[in-house]
Amino acid sequence: MGAIDLALVAVAAVLVVCIVAGLWRGVRGPTAEDRLTAFVLLGTSGAALFVVLASALDVPALRDVAITVVGLATVTVVVYTRRQPR
């Protein structure tokens, strides 16, 4: 295992920890804003994890998955903020 492969595994591990923290905050709450922030964290961390895995496993299709995850997270945030009464 080369240095780059080791670095990609380390980055993937950190991203998995971020995803677990986001899941914890999403379940724990206590407010809807906390859950939305957790969802944004999950979207960005998940996309980053897919990009790292695409590089580590040499599967370019995972980059497309990352773009899709970011797009879905963005649409979700826009819909949530538009439905909130001001």
Protein backbone atom coordinates (compact mmCIF):
# COMPACT_ATOMS: atom_id res chain seq x y z
CA MET A 1 0.00 0.00 0.00
CA GLY A 2 1.47 3.29 -1.09
CA ALA A 3 1.45 6.61 0.69
CA ILE A 4 -1.41 7.94 -1.42
CA ASP A 5 -3.55 4.87 -0.75
CA LEU A 6 -2.88 5.22 2.96
CA ALA A 7 -3.82 8.90 2.85
CA LEU A 8 -7.07 8.10 1.00
CA VAL A 9 -7.99 5.50 3.62
CA ALA A 10 -7.27 8.02 6.39
CA VAL A 11 -9.42 10.67 4.72
CA ALA A 12 -12.22 8.14 4.20
CA ALA A 13 -12.08 7.24 7.90
CA VAL A 14 -12.36 10.89 8.94
CA LEU A 15 -15.31 11.36 6.59
CA VAL A 16 -17.06 8.32 8.04
CA VAL A 17 -16.63 9.85 11.52
CA CYS A 18 -18.20 13.09 10.21
CA ILE A 19 -21.10 11.12 8.76
CA VAL A 20 -21.69 9.33 12.06
CA ALA A 21 -21.62 12.69 13.88
CA GLY A 22 -24.14 14.08 11.40
CA LEU A 23 -26.43 11.09 11.87
CA TRP A 24 -26.23 11.53 15.63
CA ARG A 25 -27.12 15.22 15.38
CA GLY A 26 -29.92 14.50 12.91
CA VAL A 27 -31.52 11.95 15.21
CA ARG A 28 -30.86 13.89 18.40
CA GLY A 29 -32.17 17.25 17.15
CA PRO A 30 -33.55 19.06 19.12
CA THR A 31 -34.71 21.63 16.55
CA ALA A 32 -35.48 21.42 12.87
CA GLU A 33 -32.54 23.74 12.16
CA ASP A 34 -30.20 21.26 13.87
CA ARG A 35 -31.57 18.50 11.69
CA LEU A 36 -31.16 20.62 8.56
CA THR A 37 -27.57 21.41 9.49
CA ALA A 38 -26.95 17.71 10.02
CA PHE A 39 -28.46 16.95 6.63
CA VAL A 40 -26.15 19.47 4.96
CA LEU A 41 -23.20 17.89 6.78
CA LEU A 42 -24.30 14.45 5.61
CA GLY A 43 -24.63 15.67 2.03
CA THR A 44 -21.21 17.26 1.84
CA SER A 45 -19.45 14.53 3.80
CA GLY A 46 -21.15 11.84 1.77
CA ALA A 47 -20.19 13.51 -1.49
CA ALA A 48 -16.60 13.89 -0.33
CA LEU A 49 -16.54 10.23 0.70
CA PHE A 50 -17.75 9.21 -2.75
CA VAL A 51 -15.03 11.31 -4.40
CA VAL A 52 -12.36 9.77 -2.18
CA LEU A 53 -13.67 6.27 -2.87
CA ALA A 54 -13.73 7.02 -6.60
CA SER A 55 -10.04 7.85 -6.44
CA ALA A 56 -9.11 5.00 -4.13
CA LEU A 57 -11.04 2.31 -5.99
CA ASP A 58 -10.59 3.81 -9.47
CA VAL A 59 -14.34 3.86 -10.11
CA PRO A 60 -15.19 7.12 -11.91
CA ALA A 61 -18.95 6.48 -11.62
CA LEU A 62 -18.73 7.32 -7.91
CA ARG A 63 -17.96 10.91 -8.89
CA ASP A 64 -21.34 11.04 -10.61
CA VAL A 65 -22.93 9.74 -7.41
CA ALA A 66 -21.17 12.53 -5.48
CA ILE A 67 -22.59 15.16 -7.84
CA THR A 68 -26.06 13.67 -7.42
CA VAL A 69 -25.76 13.71 -3.61
CA VAL A 70 -24.74 17.38 -3.63
CA GLY A 71 -27.60 18.24 -5.97
CA LEU A 72 -30.16 16.48 -3.80
CA ALA A 73 -28.84 18.11 -0.64
CA THR A 74 -29.00 21.53 -2.29
CA VAL A 75 -32.57 21.03 -3.46
CA THR A 76 -33.59 19.84 0.00
CA VAL A 77 -32.12 22.91 1.68
CA VAL A 78 -33.78 25.26 -0.82
CA VAL A 79 -37.17 23.58 -0.39
CA TYR A 80 -36.85 23.66 3.40
CA THR A 81 -35.88 27.32 3.56
CA ARG A 82 -38.61 28.34 1.11
CA ARG A 83 -41.37 26.64 3.12
CA GLN A 84 -40.42 28.30 6.42
CA PRO A 85 -42.67 31.23 7.42
CA ARG A 86 -40.76 34.45 7.76
